[in-house]
Amino acid sequence: MLIVGLTGGVASGKTAVSQVLKEEGAYIIDADQIARELVLPYQPAWSDLIRAFGQGILQEDGSIQRKKLADKVFADPKQRKLLNQILHPRIKEEMDRRTKEIGEKDPEAIVVIDAPLIIELGDHREMDKVIVVTSTQTQQIERLKDRDGKNPEEALRIVSAQMPPKEKLKFADYVIRNEGSMKEMKKRAKEVYQELKKVALQKKRR
């Protein structure tokens, strides 16, 4: 089994890349999806988040309003750290469980961990390879405006709060630049997957 980290800045196009990798044959484990499941009402992380950030993050039905929570944490590095302390160990545990399950079913699997903070939280050290997806800051801001309805100031604040792409690229085994057309991005993602298949084969032969 080959474990690959897929990361990049907010609105850089990770989801589009992971979809291509999935179509090519990779198993995808999505950290954001796991996080959404962990904070459903009455789950342990839900209770911890309310204790940490207050009832103001709740919607009328008791679910967490992700936008309110995001606004709080992106405005304050201490709050961001607190959020990671609550969620990251649980996300990590679930990612590990799913990876193990896939490995038992398919020992030759290429498992892609799609997670925004792989490098920041040190999880890249446990990966066989790391893919970094990049976009220009202008593109990220435009996508945040279109996708999440952010105004330009909010979008810039969110992008600026993250590790700069240049820093992330230092840890990349493969770079997928999502700065041109969708066709170019898909072509590059497919090339990277072919490379990963070769690496997986070499690993198996050892």
C-alpha atoms as a PDB file:
ATOM      1  CA  MET A   1       0.000   0.000   0.000  1.00  0.00           C
ATOM      2  CA  LEU A   2       1.153   3.516  -0.834  1.00  0.00           C
ATOM      3  CA  ILE A   3      -0.027   6.416   1.345  1.00  0.00           C
ATOM      4  CA  VAL A   4      -0.047   9.803  -0.363  1.00  0.00           C
ATOM      5  CA  GLY A   5      -0.779  13.188   1.198  1.00  0.00           C
ATOM      6  CA  LEU A   6      -2.720  15.653  -0.957  1.00  0.00           C
ATOM      7  CA  THR A   7      -2.643  19.227   0.276  1.00  0.00           C
ATOM      8  CA  GLY A   8      -2.715  22.847  -0.801  1.00  0.00           C
ATOM      9  CA  GLY A   9      -4.095  26.216   0.200  1.00  0.00           C
ATOM     10  CA  VAL A  10      -7.793  26.953   0.611  1.00  0.00           C
ATOM     11  CA  ALA A  11      -9.648  26.988  -2.735  1.00  0.00           C
ATOM     12  CA  SER A  12      -6.517  25.801  -4.563  1.00  0.00           C
ATOM     13  CA  GLY A  13      -8.399  22.945  -6.244  1.00  0.00           C
ATOM     14  CA  LYS A  14      -7.582  19.941  -4.053  1.00  0.00           C
ATOM     15  CA  THR A  15     -11.085  18.536  -4.396  1.00  0.00           C
ATOM     16  CA  ALA A  16     -10.926  18.652  -8.198  1.00  0.00           C
ATOM     17  CA  VAL A  17      -7.521  16.929  -8.132  1.00  0.00           C
ATOM     18  CA  SER A  18      -8.700  14.241  -5.695  1.00  0.00           C
ATOM     19  CA  GLN A  19     -11.659  13.528  -7.989  1.00  0.00           C
ATOM     20  CA  VAL A  20      -9.274  12.901 -10.910  1.00  0.00           C
ATOM     21  CA  LEU A  21      -7.082  10.647  -8.740  1.00  0.00           C
ATOM     22  CA  LYS A  22     -10.180   8.732  -7.620  1.00  0.00           C
ATOM     23  CA  GLU A  23     -11.243   8.232 -11.253  1.00  0.00           C
ATOM     24  CA  GLU A  24      -7.745   6.915 -11.993  1.00  0.00           C
ATOM     25  CA  GLY A  25      -8.051   4.304  -9.235  1.00  0.00           C
ATOM     26  CA  ALA A  26      -6.919   5.886  -5.951  1.00  0.00           C
ATOM     27  CA  TYR A  27      -8.786   5.490  -2.671  1.00  0.00           C
ATOM     28  CA  ILE A  28      -9.577   8.942  -1.253  1.00  0.00           C
ATOM     29  CA  ILE A  29      -9.796   9.752   2.447  1.00  0.00           C
ATOM     30  CA  ASP A  30     -11.178  13.278   2.848  1.00  0.00           C
ATOM     31  CA  ALA A  31     -10.212  14.988   6.122  1.00  0.00           C
ATOM     32  CA  ASP A  32     -12.838  17.725   5.687  1.00  0.00           C
ATOM     33  CA  GLN A  33     -15.577  15.125   5.249  1.00  0.00           C
ATOM     34  CA  ILE A  34     -14.415  13.336   8.411  1.00  0.00           C
ATOM     35  CA  ALA A  35     -14.431  16.673  10.263  1.00  0.00           C
ATOM     36  CA  ARG A  36     -18.029  17.297   9.167  1.00  0.00           C
ATOM     37  CA  GLU A  37     -19.054  13.875  10.508  1.00  0.00           C
ATOM     38  CA  LEU A  38     -17.222  14.422  13.806  1.00  0.00           C
ATOM     39  CA  VAL A  39     -19.067  17.665  14.586  1.00  0.00           C
ATOM     40  CA  LEU A  40     -22.590  16.356  14.009  1.00  0.00           C
ATOM     41  CA  PRO A  41     -24.910  17.100  16.962  1.00  0.00           C
ATOM     42  CA  TYR A  42     -24.177  15.148  20.149  1.00  0.00           C
ATOM     43  CA  GLN A  43     -20.912  13.686  18.893  1.00  0.00           C
ATOM     44  CA  PRO A  44     -18.026  14.158  21.404  1.00  0.00           C
ATOM     45  CA  ALA A  45     -16.297  16.800  19.239  1.00  0.00           C
ATOM     46  CA  TRP A  46     -19.590  18.736  19.000  1.00  0.00           C
ATOM     47  CA  SER A  47     -19.727  19.065  22.790  1.00  0.00           C
ATOM     48  CA  ASP A  48     -16.063  20.092  23.007  1.00  0.00           C
ATOM     49  CA  LEU A  49     -16.521  22.771  20.330  1.00  0.00           C
ATOM     50  CA  ILE A  50     -19.492  24.302  22.151  1.00  0.00           C
ATOM     51  CA  ARG A  51     -17.488  24.368  25.386  1.00  0.00           C
ATOM     52  CA  ALA A  52     -14.563  26.023  23.598  1.00  0.00           C
ATOM     53  CA  PHE A  53     -16.368  28.480  21.308  1.00  0.00           C
ATOM     54  CA  GLY A  54     -19.779  28.997  22.926  1.00  0.00           C
ATOM     55  CA  GLN A  55     -23.415  28.461  21.962  1.00  0.00           C
ATOM     56  CA  GLY A  56     -23.117  31.222  19.342  1.00  0.00           C
ATOM     57  CA  ILE A  57     -21.692  28.749  16.805  1.00  0.00           C
ATOM     58  CA  LEU A  58     -24.923  26.712  16.788  1.00  0.00           C
ATOM     59  CA  GLN A  59     -27.788  26.869  14.345  1.00  0.00           C
ATOM     60  CA  GLU A  60     -31.401  26.472  15.485  1.00  0.00           C
ATOM     61  CA  ASP A  61     -31.366  22.720  14.853  1.00  0.00           C
ATOM     62  CA  GLY A  62     -28.306  22.282  17.094  1.00  0.00           C
ATOM     63  CA  SER A  63     -25.846  21.743  14.266  1.00  0.00           C
ATOM     64  CA  ILE A  64     -22.658  23.786  14.122  1.00  0.00           C
ATOM     65  CA  GLN A  65     -22.715  26.739  11.755  1.00  0.00           C
ATOM     66  CA  ARG A  66     -19.397  26.161  10.040  1.00  0.00           C
ATOM     67  CA  LYS A  67     -19.207  29.708   8.677  1.00  0.00           C
ATOM     68  CA  LYS A  68     -19.479  31.258  12.156  1.00  0.00           C
ATOM     69  CA  LEU A  69     -16.857  28.886  13.505  1.00  0.00           C
ATOM     70  CA  ALA A  70     -14.562  29.553  10.532  1.00  0.00           C
ATOM     71  CA  ASP A  71     -14.933  33.322  10.990  1.00  0.00           C
ATOM     72  CA  LYS A  72     -13.891  32.973  14.635  1.00  0.00           C
ATOM     73  CA  VAL A  73     -10.846  30.817  14.034  1.00  0.00           C
ATOM     74  CA  PHE A  74      -9.494  32.567  10.952  1.00  0.00           C
ATOM     75  CA  ALA A  75      -9.505  35.855  12.836  1.00  0.00           C
ATOM     76  CA  ASP A  76      -7.405  34.524  15.718  1.00  0.00           C
ATOM     77  CA  PRO A  77      -4.400  32.118  15.592  1.00  0.00           C
ATOM     78  CA  LYS A  78      -5.039  31.012  19.213  1.00  0.00           C
ATOM     79  CA  GLN A  79      -8.603  30.031  18.357  1.00  0.00           C
ATOM     80  CA  ARG A  80      -7.334  28.195  15.277  1.00  0.00           C
ATOM     81  CA  LYS A  81      -4.878  26.253  17.422  1.00  0.00           C
ATOM     82  CA  LEU A  82      -7.667  25.373  19.863  1.00  0.00           C
ATOM     83  CA  LEU A  83      -9.874  24.107  17.023  1.00  0.00           C
ATOM     84  CA  ASN A  84      -7.030  21.918  15.729  1.00  0.00           C
ATOM     85  CA  GLN A  85      -6.402  20.546  19.223  1.00  0.00           C
ATOM     86  CA  ILE A  86     -10.042  19.475  19.454  1.00  0.00           C
ATOM     87  CA  LEU A  87     -10.466  18.070  15.956  1.00  0.00           C
ATOM     88  CA  HIS A  88      -7.079  16.911  14.697  1.00  0.00           C
ATOM     89  CA  PRO A  89      -6.502  13.892  17.012  1.00  0.00           C
ATOM     90  CA  ARG A  90      -9.988  12.596  16.200  1.00  0.00           C
ATOM     91  CA  ILE A  91      -9.595  13.205  12.450  1.00  0.00           C
ATOM     92  CA  LYS A  92      -6.193  11.501  12.543  1.00  0.00           C
ATOM     93  CA  GLU A  93      -7.578   8.477  14.390  1.00  0.00           C
ATOM     94  CA  GLU A  94     -10.386   8.074  11.826  1.00  0.00           C
ATOM     95  CA  MET A  95      -8.007   8.556   8.870  1.00  0.00           C
ATOM     96  CA  ASP A  96      -5.709   5.872  10.300  1.00  0.00           C
ATOM     97  CA  ARG A  97      -8.654   3.519  10.842  1.00  0.00           C
ATOM     98  CA  ARG A  98      -9.866   3.969   7.249  1.00  0.00           C
ATOM     99  CA  THR A  99      -6.352   3.569   5.843  1.00  0.00           C
ATOM    100  CA  LYS A 100      -5.895   0.302   7.748  1.00  0.00           C
ATOM    101  CA  GLU A 101      -9.281  -0.957   6.537  1.00  0.00           C
ATOM    102  CA  ILE A 102      -8.397  -0.199   2.898  1.00  0.00           C
ATOM    103  CA  GLY A 103      -4.985  -1.872   3.305  1.00  0.00           C
ATOM    104  CA  GLU A 104      -6.602  -5.053   4.609  1.00  0.00           C
ATOM    105  CA  LYS A 105      -8.997  -5.172   1.653  1.00  0.00           C
ATOM    106  CA  ASP A 106      -6.489  -4.132  -1.015  1.00  0.00           C
ATOM    107  CA  PRO A 107      -2.806  -4.424  -0.042  1.00  0.00           C
ATOM    108  CA  GLU A 108      -1.783  -2.801  -3.351  1.00  0.00           C
ATOM    109  CA  ALA A 109      -3.978   0.269  -2.828  1.00  0.00           C
ATOM    110  CA  ILE A 110      -2.865   3.825  -3.458  1.00  0.00           C
ATOM    111  CA  VAL A 111      -4.511   5.770  -0.636  1.00  0.00           C
ATOM    112  CA  VAL A 112      -4.720   9.548  -0.989  1.00  0.00           C
ATOM    113  CA  ILE A 113      -5.242  11.530   2.217  1.00  0.00           C
ATOM    114  CA  ASP A 114      -6.888  14.797   1.130  1.00  0.00           C
ATOM    115  CA  ALA A 115      -6.232  17.226   3.989  1.00  0.00           C
ATOM    116  CA  PRO A 116      -5.462  20.960   4.129  1.00  0.00           C
ATOM    117  CA  LEU A 117      -3.106  20.840   7.128  1.00  0.00           C
ATOM    118  CA  ILE A 118      -0.938  17.779   6.417  1.00  0.00           C
ATOM    119  CA  ILE A 119       2.275  19.825   6.511  1.00  0.00           C
ATOM    120  CA  GLU A 120       1.307  22.300   9.250  1.00  0.00           C
ATOM    121  CA  LEU A 121       0.421  19.467  11.637  1.00  0.00           C
ATOM    122  CA  GLY A 122       3.426  17.306  10.740  1.00  0.00           C
ATOM    123  CA  ASP A 123       1.387  14.454   9.248  1.00  0.00           C
ATOM    124  CA  HIS A 124       3.429  14.574   6.024  1.00  0.00           C
ATOM    125  CA  ARG A 125       6.156  12.643   7.858  1.00  0.00           C
ATOM    126  CA  GLU A 126       3.906   9.572   7.846  1.00  0.00           C
ATOM    127  CA  MET A 127       3.181   9.745   4.107  1.00  0.00           C
ATOM    128  CA  ASP A 128       5.124   7.898   1.413  1.00  0.00           C
ATOM    129  CA  LYS A 129       4.658  10.855  -0.958  1.00  0.00           C
ATOM    130  CA  VAL A 130       3.158  14.346  -0.808  1.00  0.00           C
ATOM    131  CA  ILE A 131       1.292  16.175  -3.579  1.00  0.00           C
ATOM    132  CA  VAL A 132       0.873  19.947  -3.273  1.00  0.00           C
ATOM    133  CA  VAL A 133      -1.796  21.697  -5.344  1.00  0.00           C
ATOM    134  CA  THR A 134      -1.154  25.372  -6.082  1.00  0.00           C
ATOM    135  CA  SER A 135      -3.182  28.279  -7.430  1.00  0.00           C
ATOM    136  CA  THR A 136      -2.489  31.983  -7.566  1.00  0.00           C
ATOM    137  CA  GLN A 137      -3.728  34.057  -4.644  1.00  0.00           C
ATOM    138  CA  THR A 138      -6.060  35.921  -7.034  1.00  0.00           C
ATOM    139  CA  GLN A 139      -7.624  32.619  -8.121  1.00  0.00           C
ATOM    140  CA  GLN A 140      -8.056  31.479  -4.508  1.00  0.00           C
ATOM    141  CA  ILE A 141      -9.798  34.740  -3.597  1.00  0.00           C
ATOM    142  CA  GLU A 142     -12.079  34.550  -6.649  1.00  0.00           C
ATOM    143  CA  ARG A 143     -13.022  30.943  -5.848  1.00  0.00           C
ATOM    144  CA  LEU A 144     -13.779  31.803  -2.203  1.00  0.00           C
ATOM    145  CA  LYS A 145     -16.011  34.628  -3.395  1.00  0.00           C
ATOM    146  CA  ASP A 146     -17.832  32.385  -5.892  1.00  0.00           C
ATOM    147  CA  ARG A 147     -17.950  29.229  -3.752  1.00  0.00           C
ATOM    148  CA  ASP A 148     -18.536  30.558  -0.237  1.00  0.00           C
ATOM    149  CA  GLY A 149     -19.861  34.049  -0.899  1.00  0.00           C
ATOM    150  CA  LYS A 150     -16.915  35.700   0.852  1.00  0.00           C
ATOM    151  CA  ASN A 151     -16.225  39.353   0.238  1.00  0.00           C
ATOM    152  CA  PRO A 152     -12.698  40.155  -1.048  1.00  0.00           C
ATOM    153  CA  GLU A 153     -11.437  41.240   2.414  1.00  0.00           C
ATOM    154  CA  GLU A 154     -12.686  38.055   4.101  1.00  0.00           C
ATOM    155  CA  ALA A 155     -11.259  35.904   1.315  1.00  0.00           C
ATOM    156  CA  LEU A 156      -7.861  37.598   1.536  1.00  0.00           C
ATOM    157  CA  ARG A 157      -7.809  37.164   5.319  1.00  0.00           C
ATOM    158  CA  ILE A 158      -8.524  33.428   4.992  1.00  0.00           C
ATOM    159  CA  VAL A 159      -5.851  32.927   2.308  1.00  0.00           C
ATOM    160  CA  SER A 160      -3.287  34.999   4.237  1.00  0.00           C
ATOM    161  CA  ALA A 161      -3.876  33.048   7.462  1.00  0.00           C
ATOM    162  CA  GLN A 162      -2.508  29.862   5.881  1.00  0.00           C
ATOM    163  CA  MET A 163       1.017  28.628   5.330  1.00  0.00           C
ATOM    164  CA  PRO A 164       2.420  30.324   2.193  1.00  0.00           C
ATOM    165  CA  PRO A 165       2.484  28.055  -0.891  1.00  0.00           C
ATOM    166  CA  LYS A 166       6.284  28.512  -1.189  1.00  0.00           C
ATOM    167  CA  GLU A 167       6.675  26.878   2.240  1.00  0.00           C
ATOM    168  CA  LYS A 168       4.390  23.973   1.340  1.00  0.00           C
ATOM    169  CA  LEU A 169       6.262  23.366  -1.901  1.00  0.00           C
ATOM    170  CA  LYS A 170       9.419  22.544   0.091  1.00  0.00           C
ATOM    171  CA  PHE A 171       7.702  19.338   1.230  1.00  0.00           C
ATOM    172  CA  ALA A 172       6.218  18.359  -2.148  1.00  0.00           C
ATOM    173  CA  ASP A 173       7.219  15.243  -4.055  1.00  0.00           C
ATOM    174  CA  TYR A 174       4.795  16.262  -6.799  1.00  0.00           C
ATOM    175  CA  VAL A 175       3.279  19.651  -7.666  1.00  0.00           C
ATOM    176  CA  ILE A 176      -0.009  20.074  -9.501  1.00  0.00           C
ATOM    177  CA  ARG A 177      -0.455  23.678 -10.611  1.00  0.00           C
ATOM    178  CA  ASN A 178      -4.155  24.457 -10.861  1.00  0.00           C
ATOM    179  CA  GLU A 179      -3.493  27.849 -12.405  1.00  0.00           C
ATOM    180  CA  GLY A 180      -4.523  27.233 -16.017  1.00  0.00           C
ATOM    181  CA  SER A 181      -7.335  25.269 -17.606  1.00  0.00           C
ATOM    182  CA  MET A 182      -9.166  22.310 -16.080  1.00  0.00           C
ATOM    183  CA  LYS A 183      -7.799  20.210 -18.944  1.00  0.00           C
ATOM    184  CA  GLU A 184      -4.185  21.044 -17.974  1.00  0.00           C
ATOM    185  CA  MET A 185      -4.842  20.245 -14.319  1.00  0.00           C
ATOM    186  CA  LYS A 186      -6.441  16.885 -15.179  1.00  0.00           C
ATOM    187  CA  LYS A 187      -3.544  15.980 -17.481  1.00  0.00           C
ATOM    188  CA  ARG A 188      -1.000  16.720 -14.747  1.00  0.00           C
ATOM    189  CA  ALA A 189      -3.019  14.851 -12.097  1.00  0.00           C
ATOM    190  CA  LYS A 190      -3.134  11.776 -14.348  1.00  0.00           C
ATOM    191  CA  GLU A 191       0.630  12.004 -14.912  1.00  0.00           C
ATOM    192  CA  VAL A 192       1.201  12.146 -11.166  1.00  0.00           C
ATOM    193  CA  TYR A 193      -1.009   9.091 -10.653  1.00  0.00           C
ATOM    194  CA  GLN A 194       1.045   7.125 -13.184  1.00  0.00           C
ATOM    195  CA  GLU A 195       4.178   8.094 -11.240  1.00  0.00           C
ATOM    196  CA  LEU A 196       2.541   6.942  -8.005  1.00  0.00           C
ATOM    197  CA  LYS A 197       1.735   3.576  -9.571  1.00  0.00           C
ATOM    198  CA  LYS A 198       5.444   3.131 -10.388  1.00  0.00           C
ATOM    199  CA  VAL A 199       6.416   4.070  -6.824  1.00  0.00           C
ATOM    200  CA  ALA A 200       3.838   1.629  -5.422  1.00  0.00           C
ATOM    201  CA  LEU A 201       5.280  -1.126  -7.607  1.00  0.00           C
ATOM    202  CA  GLN A 202       8.842  -0.388  -6.431  1.00  0.00           C
ATOM    203  CA  LYS A 203       7.671  -0.412  -2.813  1.00  0.00           C
ATOM    204  CA  LYS A 204       5.994  -3.806  -3.317  1.00  0.00           C
ATOM    205  CA  ARG A 205       9.202  -5.297  -4.793  1.00  0.00           C
ATOM    206  CA  ARG A 206      11.350  -4.285  -1.852  1.00  0.00           C
END
